[in-house]
Full PDB file with SEQRES, HELIX, SHEET, SSBOND, CRYST1, ORIGX, SCALE, CONECT and MASTER records, all heavy atoms in Angstrom:
SEQRES   1 A   39  LYS ALA GLY ILE HIS ALA TYR GLU LYS ALA GLY PHE CYS          
SEQRES   2 A   39  ALA ALA GLY THR ILE ARG GLU ALA GLY TYR TRP LEU GLY          
SEQRES   3 A   39  GLN VAL CYS ASP GLU LEU VAL MET ASP ALA LEU SER ARG          
HELIX    1 AA1 ALA A    2  ALA A   10  1                                   9    
SHEET    1 AA1 2 CYS A  13  TRP A  24  0                                        
SHEET    2 AA1 2 GLN A  27  ASP A  35 -1                                        
CRYST1    1.000    1.000    1.000  90.00  90.00  90.00 P 1           1          
ORIGX1      1.000000  0.000000  0.000000        0.00000                         
ORIGX2      0.000000  1.000000  0.000000        0.00000                         
ORIGX3      0.000000  0.000000  1.000000        0.00000                         
SCALE1      1.000000  0.000000  0.000000        0.00000                         
SCALE2      0.000000  1.000000  0.000000        0.00000                         
SCALE3      0.000000  0.000000  1.000000        0.00000                         
ATOM      1  N   LYS A   1     -37.785 -51.016   4.715  1.00  0.00           N  
ATOM      2  CA  LYS A   1     -36.688 -50.545   3.825  1.00  0.00           C  
ATOM      3  C   LYS A   1     -35.659 -51.419   3.619  1.00  0.00           C  
ATOM      4  O   LYS A   1     -35.158 -51.695   2.432  1.00  0.00           O  
ATOM      5  CB  LYS A   1     -36.376 -49.276   4.272  1.00  0.00           C  
ATOM      6  CG  LYS A   1     -37.406 -48.091   4.529  1.00  0.00           C  
ATOM      7  CD  LYS A   1     -38.117 -47.862   3.187  1.00  0.00           C  
ATOM      8  CE  LYS A   1     -39.084 -46.697   3.422  1.00  0.00           C  
ATOM      9  NZ  LYS A   1     -40.187 -46.735   2.362  1.00  0.00           N  
ATOM     10  N   ALA A   2     -35.252 -52.179   4.681  1.00  0.00           N  
ATOM     11  CA  ALA A   2     -34.100 -53.180   4.469  1.00  0.00           C  
ATOM     12  C   ALA A   2     -34.564 -54.274   3.581  1.00  0.00           C  
ATOM     13  O   ALA A   2     -33.757 -54.719   2.710  1.00  0.00           O  
ATOM     14  CB  ALA A   2     -33.822 -53.730   5.863  1.00  0.00           C  
ATOM     15  N   GLY A   3     -35.762 -54.789   3.691  1.00  0.00           N  
ATOM     16  CA  GLY A   3     -36.309 -55.843   2.946  1.00  0.00           C  
ATOM     17  C   GLY A   3     -36.391 -55.435   1.437  1.00  0.00           C  
ATOM     18  O   GLY A   3     -35.863 -56.204   0.516  1.00  0.00           O  
ATOM     19  N   ILE A   4     -36.963 -54.254   1.208  1.00  0.00           N  
ATOM     20  CA  ILE A   4     -37.091 -53.752  -0.166  1.00  0.00           C  
ATOM     21  C   ILE A   4     -35.630 -53.583  -0.770  1.00  0.00           C  
ATOM     22  O   ILE A   4     -35.463 -53.892  -1.932  1.00  0.00           O  
ATOM     23  CB  ILE A   4     -37.930 -52.304  -0.073  1.00  0.00           C  
ATOM     24  CG1 ILE A   4     -39.293 -52.620   0.356  1.00  0.00           C  
ATOM     25  CG2 ILE A   4     -37.716 -51.625  -1.384  1.00  0.00           C  
ATOM     26  CD1 ILE A   4     -40.029 -51.376   0.686  1.00  0.00           C  
ATOM     27  N   HIS A   5     -34.733 -53.065   0.014  1.00  0.00           N  
ATOM     28  CA  HIS A   5     -33.395 -52.904  -0.570  1.00  0.00           C  
ATOM     29  C   HIS A   5     -32.819 -54.337  -0.954  1.00  0.00           C  
ATOM     30  O   HIS A   5     -32.179 -54.456  -2.026  1.00  0.00           O  
ATOM     31  CB  HIS A   5     -32.551 -52.196   0.424  1.00  0.00           C  
ATOM     32  CG  HIS A   5     -31.130 -51.920   0.021  1.00  0.00           C  
ATOM     33  ND1 HIS A   5     -30.776 -51.069  -1.009  1.00  0.00           N  
ATOM     34  CD2 HIS A   5     -29.991 -52.577   0.447  1.00  0.00           C  
ATOM     35  CE1 HIS A   5     -29.494 -51.138  -1.183  1.00  0.00           C  
ATOM     36  NE2 HIS A   5     -28.990 -52.015  -0.335  1.00  0.00           N  
ATOM     37  N   ALA A   6     -32.927 -55.285  -0.093  1.00  0.00           N  
ATOM     38  CA  ALA A   6     -32.367 -56.680  -0.430  1.00  0.00           C  
ATOM     39  C   ALA A   6     -33.095 -57.164  -1.549  1.00  0.00           C  
ATOM     40  O   ALA A   6     -32.347 -57.841  -2.586  1.00  0.00           O  
ATOM     41  CB  ALA A   6     -32.642 -57.593   0.795  1.00  0.00           C  
ATOM     42  N   TYR A   7     -34.412 -57.001  -1.820  1.00  0.00           N  
ATOM     43  CA  TYR A   7     -35.110 -57.528  -2.958  1.00  0.00           C  
ATOM     44  C   TYR A   7     -34.662 -56.759  -4.316  1.00  0.00           C  
ATOM     45  O   TYR A   7     -34.422 -57.442  -5.263  1.00  0.00           O  
ATOM     46  CB  TYR A   7     -36.565 -57.380  -2.874  1.00  0.00           C  
ATOM     47  CG  TYR A   7     -37.153 -58.186  -1.639  1.00  0.00           C  
ATOM     48  CD1 TYR A   7     -38.082 -57.604  -0.786  1.00  0.00           C  
ATOM     49  CD2 TYR A   7     -36.783 -59.463  -1.430  1.00  0.00           C  
ATOM     50  CE1 TYR A   7     -38.601 -58.321   0.341  1.00  0.00           C  
ATOM     51  CE2 TYR A   7     -37.367 -60.114  -0.337  1.00  0.00           C  
ATOM     52  CZ  TYR A   7     -38.201 -59.585   0.471  1.00  0.00           C  
ATOM     53  OH  TYR A   7     -38.849 -60.327   1.512  1.00  0.00           O  
ATOM     54  N   GLU A   8     -34.466 -55.526  -4.191  1.00  0.00           N  
ATOM     55  CA  GLU A   8     -33.909 -54.789  -5.330  1.00  0.00           C  
ATOM     56  C   GLU A   8     -32.487 -55.122  -5.603  1.00  0.00           C  
ATOM     57  O   GLU A   8     -32.193 -55.276  -6.852  1.00  0.00           O  
ATOM     58  CB  GLU A   8     -34.003 -53.175  -5.039  1.00  0.00           C  
ATOM     59  CG  GLU A   8     -35.379 -52.606  -4.972  1.00  0.00           C  
ATOM     60  CD  GLU A   8     -35.474 -51.219  -4.529  1.00  0.00           C  
ATOM     61  OE1 GLU A   8     -34.493 -50.824  -3.794  1.00  0.00           O  
ATOM     62  OE2 GLU A   8     -36.519 -50.632  -4.743  1.00  0.00           O  
ATOM     63  N   LYS A   9     -31.655 -55.450  -4.753  1.00  0.00           N  
ATOM     64  CA  LYS A   9     -30.334 -55.901  -5.015  1.00  0.00           C  
ATOM     65  C   LYS A   9     -30.356 -57.218  -5.700  1.00  0.00           C  
ATOM     66  O   LYS A   9     -29.445 -57.481  -6.590  1.00  0.00           O  
ATOM     67  CB  LYS A   9     -29.446 -56.004  -3.768  1.00  0.00           C  
ATOM     68  CG  LYS A   9     -28.994 -54.638  -3.251  1.00  0.00           C  
ATOM     69  CD  LYS A   9     -28.230 -54.778  -1.878  1.00  0.00           C  
ATOM     70  CE  LYS A   9     -26.924 -55.663  -2.121  1.00  0.00           C  
ATOM     71  NZ  LYS A   9     -26.147 -55.669  -0.779  1.00  0.00           N  
ATOM     72  N   ALA A  10     -31.317 -58.023  -5.359  1.00  0.00           N  
ATOM     73  CA  ALA A  10     -31.463 -59.379  -6.096  1.00  0.00           C  
ATOM     74  C   ALA A  10     -32.155 -59.340  -7.399  1.00  0.00           C  
ATOM     75  O   ALA A  10     -32.011 -60.258  -8.051  1.00  0.00           O  
ATOM     76  CB  ALA A  10     -32.201 -60.289  -5.139  1.00  0.00           C  
ATOM     77  N   GLY A  11     -32.728 -58.217  -7.747  1.00  0.00           N  
ATOM     78  CA  GLY A  11     -33.259 -58.225  -9.091  1.00  0.00           C  
ATOM     79  C   GLY A  11     -34.881 -57.844  -9.224  1.00  0.00           C  
ATOM     80  O   GLY A  11     -35.384 -57.683 -10.304  1.00  0.00           O  
ATOM     81  N   PHE A  12     -35.343 -57.643  -8.045  1.00  0.00           N  
ATOM     82  CA  PHE A  12     -36.843 -57.322  -7.978  1.00  0.00           C  
ATOM     83  C   PHE A  12     -37.067 -55.780  -8.348  1.00  0.00           C  
ATOM     84  O   PHE A  12     -36.275 -55.098  -7.925  1.00  0.00           O  
ATOM     85  CB  PHE A  12     -37.501 -57.727  -6.613  1.00  0.00           C  
ATOM     86  CG  PHE A  12     -37.881 -59.112  -6.558  1.00  0.00           C  
ATOM     87  CD1 PHE A  12     -36.974 -60.087  -5.966  1.00  0.00           C  
ATOM     88  CD2 PHE A  12     -39.066 -59.665  -6.875  1.00  0.00           C  
ATOM     89  CE1 PHE A  12     -37.243 -61.295  -5.848  1.00  0.00           C  
ATOM     90  CE2 PHE A  12     -39.424 -60.870  -6.704  1.00  0.00           C  
ATOM     91  CZ  PHE A  12     -38.543 -61.766  -6.123  1.00  0.00           C  
ATOM     92  N   CYS A  13     -38.231 -55.563  -8.902  1.00  0.00           N  
ATOM     93  CA  CYS A  13     -38.607 -54.166  -9.232  1.00  0.00           C  
ATOM     94  C   CYS A  13     -39.960 -53.767  -8.801  1.00  0.00           C  
ATOM     95  O   CYS A  13     -40.817 -54.784  -8.602  1.00  0.00           O  
ATOM     96  CB  CYS A  13     -38.655 -53.877 -10.703  1.00  0.00           C  
ATOM     97  SG  CYS A  13     -37.017 -54.112 -11.509  1.00  0.00           S  
ATOM     98  N   ALA A  14     -40.244 -52.653  -8.369  1.00  0.00           N  
ATOM     99  CA  ALA A  14     -41.564 -52.267  -7.842  1.00  0.00           C  
ATOM    100  C   ALA A  14     -42.591 -52.530  -9.020  1.00  0.00           C  
ATOM    101  O   ALA A  14     -42.377 -52.181 -10.137  1.00  0.00           O  
ATOM    102  CB  ALA A  14     -41.580 -50.828  -7.450  1.00  0.00           C  
ATOM    103  N   ALA A  15     -43.719 -53.116  -8.626  1.00  0.00           N  
ATOM    104  CA  ALA A  15     -44.818 -53.373  -9.644  1.00  0.00           C  
ATOM    105  C   ALA A  15     -46.149 -52.755  -9.201  1.00  0.00           C  
ATOM    106  O   ALA A  15     -46.893 -52.584 -10.121  1.00  0.00           O  
ATOM    107  CB  ALA A  15     -44.977 -54.925  -9.673  1.00  0.00           C  
ATOM    108  N   GLY A  16     -46.263 -52.293  -7.975  1.00  0.00           N  
ATOM    109  CA  GLY A  16     -47.492 -51.699  -7.588  1.00  0.00           C  
ATOM    110  C   GLY A  16     -47.625 -51.630  -6.017  1.00  0.00           C  
ATOM    111  O   GLY A  16     -46.771 -52.008  -5.311  1.00  0.00           O  
ATOM    112  N   THR A  17     -48.666 -51.013  -5.643  1.00  0.00           N  
ATOM    113  CA  THR A  17     -49.025 -50.881  -4.272  1.00  0.00           C  
ATOM    114  C   THR A  17     -50.451 -51.308  -3.911  1.00  0.00           C  
ATOM    115  O   THR A  17     -51.410 -50.991  -4.729  1.00  0.00           O  
ATOM    116  CB  THR A  17     -48.955 -49.325  -3.910  1.00  0.00           C  
ATOM    117  OG1 THR A  17     -47.534 -48.960  -4.203  1.00  0.00           O  
ATOM    118  CG2 THR A  17     -49.057 -49.088  -2.426  1.00  0.00           C  
ATOM    119  N   ILE A  18     -50.545 -52.049  -2.779  1.00  0.00           N  
ATOM    120  CA  ILE A  18     -51.842 -52.339  -2.281  1.00  0.00           C  
ATOM    121  C   ILE A  18     -52.024 -51.540  -1.039  1.00  0.00           C  
ATOM    122  O   ILE A  18     -51.367 -51.742   0.021  1.00  0.00           O  
ATOM    123  CB  ILE A  18     -51.910 -53.917  -1.840  1.00  0.00           C  
ATOM    124  CG1 ILE A  18     -51.508 -54.798  -3.116  1.00  0.00           C  
ATOM    125  CG2 ILE A  18     -53.428 -54.225  -1.396  1.00  0.00           C  
ATOM    126  CD1 ILE A  18     -51.314 -56.201  -2.905  1.00  0.00           C  
ATOM    127  N   ARG A  19     -52.925 -50.564  -1.173  1.00  0.00           N  
ATOM    128  CA  ARG A  19     -53.046 -49.584  -0.150  1.00  0.00           C  
ATOM    129  C   ARG A  19     -53.662 -50.103   1.213  1.00  0.00           C  
ATOM    130  O   ARG A  19     -54.599 -50.882   1.172  1.00  0.00           O  
ATOM    131  CB  ARG A  19     -53.869 -48.372  -0.687  1.00  0.00           C  
ATOM    132  CG  ARG A  19     -53.131 -47.743  -1.868  1.00  0.00           C  
ATOM    133  CD  ARG A  19     -53.871 -46.562  -2.413  1.00  0.00           C  
ATOM    134  NE  ARG A  19     -55.230 -46.940  -2.821  1.00  0.00           N  
ATOM    135  CZ  ARG A  19     -56.148 -46.134  -2.912  1.00  0.00           C  
ATOM    136  NH1 ARG A  19     -56.037 -44.718  -2.706  1.00  0.00           N  
ATOM    137  NH2 ARG A  19     -57.418 -46.523  -3.324  1.00  0.00           N  
ATOM    138  N   GLU A  20     -52.989 -49.681   2.265  1.00  0.00           N  
ATOM    139  CA  GLU A  20     -53.494 -50.053   3.685  1.00  0.00           C  
ATOM    140  C   GLU A  20     -53.749 -51.460   3.842  1.00  0.00           C  
ATOM    141  O   GLU A  20     -54.681 -51.914   4.429  1.00  0.00           O  
ATOM    142  CB  GLU A  20     -54.790 -49.127   3.951  1.00  0.00           C  
ATOM    143  CG  GLU A  20     -54.466 -47.622   3.981  1.00  0.00           C  
ATOM    144  CD  GLU A  20     -55.579 -46.805   4.537  1.00  0.00           C  
ATOM    145  OE1 GLU A  20     -56.601 -47.477   4.936  1.00  0.00           O  
ATOM    146  OE2 GLU A  20     -55.519 -45.590   4.385  1.00  0.00           O  
ATOM    147  N   ALA A  21     -52.907 -52.344   3.252  1.00  0.00           N  
ATOM    148  CA  ALA A  21     -53.079 -53.711   3.252  1.00  0.00           C  
ATOM    149  C   ALA A  21     -52.350 -54.384   4.532  1.00  0.00           C  
ATOM    150  O   ALA A  21     -52.614 -55.632   4.833  1.00  0.00           O  
ATOM    151  CB  ALA A  21     -52.625 -54.337   2.045  1.00  0.00           C  
ATOM    152  N   GLY A  22     -51.582 -53.751   5.125  1.00  0.00           N  
ATOM    153  CA  GLY A  22     -50.834 -54.383   6.361  1.00  0.00           C  
ATOM    154  C   GLY A  22     -50.694 -53.546   7.454  1.00  0.00           C  
ATOM    155  O   GLY A  22     -51.227 -52.521   7.598  1.00  0.00           O  
ATOM    156  N   TYR A  23     -49.900 -54.062   8.476  1.00  0.00           N  
ATOM    157  CA  TYR A  23     -49.656 -53.428   9.724  1.00  0.00           C  
ATOM    158  C   TYR A  23     -47.967 -53.444   9.938  1.00  0.00           C  
ATOM    159  O   TYR A  23     -47.386 -54.470   9.713  1.00  0.00           O  
ATOM    160  CB  TYR A  23     -50.228 -54.027  10.850  1.00  0.00           C  
ATOM    161  CG  TYR A  23     -51.680 -53.769  11.088  1.00  0.00           C  
ATOM    162  CD1 TYR A  23     -52.703 -54.569  10.496  1.00  0.00           C  
ATOM    163  CD2 TYR A  23     -52.163 -52.491  11.742  1.00  0.00           C  
ATOM    164  CE1 TYR A  23     -54.091 -54.328  10.717  1.00  0.00           C  
ATOM    165  CE2 TYR A  23     -53.526 -52.287  11.851  1.00  0.00           C  
ATOM    166  CZ  TYR A  23     -54.410 -53.103  11.290  1.00  0.00           C  
ATOM    167  OH  TYR A  23     -55.726 -52.841  11.452  1.00  0.00           O  
ATOM    168  N   TRP A  24     -47.563 -52.298  10.412  1.00  0.00           N  
ATOM    169  CA  TRP A  24     -46.140 -52.303  10.649  1.00  0.00           C  
ATOM    170  C   TRP A  24     -46.130 -51.528  12.092  1.00  0.00           C  
ATOM    171  O   TRP A  24     -46.401 -50.452  12.261  1.00  0.00           O  
ATOM    172  CB  TRP A  24     -45.351 -51.437   9.581  1.00  0.00           C  
ATOM    173  CG  TRP A  24     -43.855 -51.300   9.911  1.00  0.00           C  
ATOM    174  CD1 TRP A  24     -43.321 -50.316  10.548  1.00  0.00           C  
ATOM    175  CD2 TRP A  24     -42.788 -52.037   9.451  1.00  0.00           C  
ATOM    176  NE1 TRP A  24     -41.876 -50.523  10.660  1.00  0.00           N  
ATOM    177  CE2 TRP A  24     -41.611 -51.644   9.905  1.00  0.00           C  
ATOM    178  CE3 TRP A  24     -42.823 -53.422   8.830  1.00  0.00           C  
ATOM    179  CZ2 TRP A  24     -40.483 -52.197   9.687  1.00  0.00           C  
ATOM    180  CZ3 TRP A  24     -41.609 -53.944   8.566  1.00  0.00           C  
ATOM    181  CH2 TRP A  24     -40.313 -53.393   9.031  1.00  0.00           C  
ATOM    182  N   LEU A  25     -45.510 -52.273  13.080  1.00  0.00           N  
ATOM    183  CA  LEU A  25     -45.384 -51.764  14.486  1.00  0.00           C  
ATOM    184  C   LEU A  25     -46.805 -51.170  14.963  1.00  0.00           C  
ATOM    185  O   LEU A  25     -46.888 -50.110  15.513  1.00  0.00           O  
ATOM    186  CB  LEU A  25     -44.318 -50.785  14.517  1.00  0.00           C  
ATOM    187  CG  LEU A  25     -42.885 -51.227  14.161  1.00  0.00           C  
ATOM    188  CD1 LEU A  25     -41.993 -50.069  14.247  1.00  0.00           C  
ATOM    189  CD2 LEU A  25     -42.492 -52.471  15.111  1.00  0.00           C  
ATOM    190  N   GLY A  26     -47.934 -51.944  14.620  1.00  0.00           N  
ATOM    191  CA  GLY A  26     -49.185 -51.472  15.057  1.00  0.00           C  
ATOM    192  C   GLY A  26     -49.897 -50.405  14.232  1.00  0.00           C  
ATOM    193  O   GLY A  26     -51.000 -50.069  14.548  1.00  0.00           O  
ATOM    194  N   GLN A  27     -49.308 -49.959  13.209  1.00  0.00           N  
ATOM    195  CA  GLN A  27     -49.781 -48.844  12.384  1.00  0.00           C  
ATOM    196  C   GLN A  27     -50.173 -49.449  11.022  1.00  0.00           C  
ATOM    197  O   GLN A  27     -49.430 -50.232  10.470  1.00  0.00           O  
ATOM    198  CB  GLN A  27     -48.770 -47.766  12.180  1.00  0.00           C  
ATOM    199  CG  GLN A  27     -48.414 -47.034  13.515  1.00  0.00           C  
ATOM    200  CD  GLN A  27     -49.555 -46.395  14.161  1.00  0.00           C  
ATOM    201  OE1 GLN A  27     -50.345 -45.730  13.613  1.00  0.00           O  
ATOM    202  NE2 GLN A  27     -49.774 -46.626  15.493  1.00  0.00           N  
ATOM    203  N   VAL A  28     -51.347 -49.057  10.474  1.00  0.00           N  
ATOM    204  CA  VAL A  28     -51.702 -49.418   9.083  1.00  0.00           C  
ATOM    205  C   VAL A  28     -50.700 -48.950   8.077  1.00  0.00           C  
ATOM    206  O   VAL A  28     -50.156 -47.796   8.199  1.00  0.00           O  
ATOM    207  CB  VAL A  28     -53.088 -48.920   8.732  1.00  0.00           C  
ATOM    208  CG1 VAL A  28     -53.432 -49.131   7.408  1.00  0.00           C  
ATOM    209  CG2 VAL A  28     -54.064 -49.546   9.569  1.00  0.00           C  
ATOM    210  N   CYS A  29     -50.352 -49.793   7.119  1.00  0.00           N  
ATOM    211  CA  CYS A  29     -49.412 -49.314   6.142  1.00  0.00           C  
ATOM    212  C   CYS A  29     -49.641 -49.985   4.793  1.00  0.00           C  
ATOM    213  O   CYS A  29     -50.494 -50.959   4.731  1.00  0.00           O  
ATOM    214  CB  CYS A  29     -47.985 -49.732   6.483  1.00  0.00           C  
ATOM    215  SG  CYS A  29     -47.627 -51.466   6.525  1.00  0.00           S  
ATOM    216  N   ASP A  30     -49.053 -49.567   3.766  1.00  0.00           N  
ATOM    217  CA  ASP A  30     -49.293 -50.027   2.415  1.00  0.00           C  
ATOM    218  C   ASP A  30     -48.392 -51.318   2.279  1.00  0.00           C  
ATOM    219  O   ASP A  30     -47.433 -51.518   3.012  1.00  0.00           O  
ATOM    220  CB  ASP A  30     -48.878 -49.036   1.266  1.00  0.00           C  
ATOM    221  CG  ASP A  30     -49.804 -47.874   1.171  1.00  0.00           C  
ATOM    222  OD1 ASP A  30     -50.933 -47.955   1.688  1.00  0.00           O  
ATOM    223  OD2 ASP A  30     -49.312 -46.903   0.582  1.00  0.00           O  
ATOM    224  N   GLU A  31     -48.835 -52.203   1.287  1.00  0.00           N  
ATOM    225  CA  GLU A  31     -48.075 -53.368   0.952  1.00  0.00           C  
ATOM    226  C   GLU A  31     -47.500 -53.104  -0.547  1.00  0.00           C  
ATOM    227  O   GLU A  31     -48.397 -52.781  -1.326  1.00  0.00           O  
ATOM    228  CB  GLU A  31     -48.893 -54.550   1.108  1.00  0.00           C  
ATOM    229  CG  GLU A  31     -48.133 -55.780   1.214  1.00  0.00           C  
ATOM    230  CD  GLU A  31     -49.036 -57.019   1.679  1.00  0.00           C  
ATOM    231  OE1 GLU A  31     -50.173 -56.975   1.317  1.00  0.00           O  
ATOM    232  OE2 GLU A  31     -48.463 -57.904   2.433  1.00  0.00           O  
ATOM    233  N   LEU A  32     -46.330 -53.282  -0.720  1.00  0.00           N  
ATOM    234  CA  LEU A  32     -45.751 -53.187  -2.090  1.00  0.00           C  
ATOM    235  C   LEU A  32     -45.663 -54.486  -2.728  1.00  0.00           C  
ATOM    236  O   LEU A  32     -45.348 -55.579  -2.151  1.00  0.00           O  
ATOM    237  CB  LEU A  32     -44.323 -52.488  -2.096  1.00  0.00           C  
ATOM    238  CG  LEU A  32     -44.176 -51.148  -1.297  1.00  0.00           C  
ATOM    239  CD1 LEU A  32     -42.784 -50.776  -1.379  1.00  0.00           C  
ATOM    240  CD2 LEU A  32     -45.081 -50.149  -1.900  1.00  0.00           C  
ATOM    241  N   VAL A  33     -46.065 -54.560  -4.085  1.00  0.00           N  
ATOM    242  CA  VAL A  33     -45.789 -55.748  -4.818  1.00  0.00           C  
ATOM    243  C   VAL A  33     -44.557 -55.590  -5.642  1.00  0.00           C  
ATOM    244  O   VAL A  33     -44.409 -54.480  -6.310  1.00  0.00           O  
ATOM    245  CB  VAL A  33     -46.959 -56.021  -5.787  1.00  0.00           C  
ATOM    246  CG1 VAL A  33     -46.807 -57.159  -6.683  1.00  0.00           C  
ATOM    247  CG2 VAL A  33     -48.324 -56.134  -4.963  1.00  0.00           C  
ATOM    248  N   MET A  34     -43.690 -56.474  -5.719  1.00  0.00           N  
ATOM    249  CA  MET A  34     -42.474 -56.399  -6.612  1.00  0.00           C  
ATOM    250  C   MET A  34     -42.380 -57.613  -7.420  1.00  0.00           C  
ATOM    251  O   MET A  34     -42.890 -58.814  -7.094  1.00  0.00           O  
ATOM    252  CB  MET A  34     -41.247 -56.361  -5.600  1.00  0.00           C  
ATOM    253  CG  MET A  34     -41.279 -55.072  -4.729  1.00  0.00           C  
ATOM    254  SD  MET A  34     -39.769 -55.038  -3.676  1.00  0.00           S  
ATOM    255  CE  MET A  34     -38.643 -54.289  -4.877  1.00  0.00           C  
ATOM    256  N   ASP A  35     -41.726 -57.499  -8.571  1.00  0.00           N  
ATOM    257  CA  ASP A  35     -41.588 -58.729  -9.430  1.00  0.00           C  
ATOM    258  C   ASP A  35     -40.199 -58.718 -10.066  1.00  0.00           C  
ATOM    259  O   ASP A  35     -39.381 -57.771 -10.089  1.00  0.00           O  
ATOM    260  CB  ASP A  35     -42.599 -58.723 -10.487  1.00  0.00           C  
ATOM    261  CG  ASP A  35     -42.607 -57.606 -11.478  1.00  0.00           C  
ATOM    262  OD1 ASP A  35     -41.554 -56.853 -11.598  1.00  0.00           O  
ATOM    263  OD2 ASP A  35     -43.647 -57.457 -12.212  1.00  0.00           O  
ATOM    264  N   ALA A  36     -39.857 -59.908 -10.452  1.00  0.00           N  
ATOM    265  CA  ALA A  36     -38.573 -60.185 -11.205  1.00  0.00           C  
ATOM    266  C   ALA A  36     -38.882 -61.037 -12.450  1.00  0.00           C  
ATOM    267  O   ALA A  36     -39.619 -62.012 -12.284  1.00  0.00           O  
ATOM    268  CB  ALA A  36     -37.557 -60.956 -10.306  1.00  0.00           C  
ATOM    269  N   LEU A  37     -38.231 -60.700 -13.579  1.00  0.00           N  
ATOM    270  CA  LEU A  37     -38.575 -61.374 -14.773  1.00  0.00           C  
ATOM    271  C   LEU A  37     -37.285 -62.266 -15.153  1.00  0.00           C  
ATOM    272  O   LEU A  37     -36.151 -61.733 -15.013  1.00  0.00           O  
ATOM    273  CB  LEU A  37     -38.939 -60.456 -15.979  1.00  0.00           C  
ATOM    274  CG  LEU A  37     -40.078 -59.504 -15.760  1.00  0.00           C  
ATOM    275  CD1 LEU A  37     -40.332 -58.612 -16.942  1.00  0.00           C  
ATOM    276  CD2 LEU A  37     -41.433 -60.385 -15.538  1.00  0.00           C  
ATOM    277  N   SER A  38     -37.691 -63.401 -15.629  1.00  0.00           N  
ATOM    278  CA  SER A  38     -36.519 -64.246 -16.147  1.00  0.00           C  
ATOM    279  C   SER A  38     -35.624 -63.644 -17.161  1.00  0.00           C  
ATOM    280  O   SER A  38     -34.475 -63.650 -17.046  1.00  0.00           O  
ATOM    281  CB  SER A  38     -37.089 -65.594 -16.702  1.00  0.00           C  
ATOM    282  OG  SER A  38     -36.058 -66.384 -17.254  1.00  0.00           O  
ATOM    283  N   ARG A  39     -36.266 -62.933 -18.032  1.00  0.00           N  
ATOM    284  CA  ARG A  39     -35.372 -62.280 -19.213  1.00  0.00           C  
ATOM    285  C   ARG A  39     -34.527 -61.147 -18.642  1.00  0.00           C  
ATOM    286  O   ARG A  39     -33.617 -60.713 -19.293  1.00  0.00           O  
ATOM    287  CB  ARG A  39     -36.368 -61.733 -20.344  1.00  0.00           C  
ATOM    288  CG  ARG A  39     -37.261 -60.683 -19.886  1.00  0.00           C  
ATOM    289  CD  ARG A  39     -38.177 -60.235 -21.099  1.00  0.00           C  
ATOM    290  NE  ARG A  39     -39.347 -59.652 -20.803  1.00  0.00           N  
ATOM    291  CZ  ARG A  39     -39.440 -58.288 -20.599  1.00  0.00           C  
ATOM    292  NH1 ARG A  39     -38.262 -57.495 -20.670  1.00  0.00           N  
ATOM    293  NH2 ARG A  39     -40.637 -57.768 -20.193  1.00  0.00           N  
TER     294      ARG A  39                                                      
MASTER        0    0    0    1    2    0    0    6  293    1    0    3          
END                                                                             
């Protein structure tokens, strides 16, 4: 959540989810894709 908040403050937006693509504290979790556009 802290990383997502920092990226949003800098201008990134949610673009999609890669389901069950990672691990967080030993538990399977989703990975979010975020993007920022020049315009």
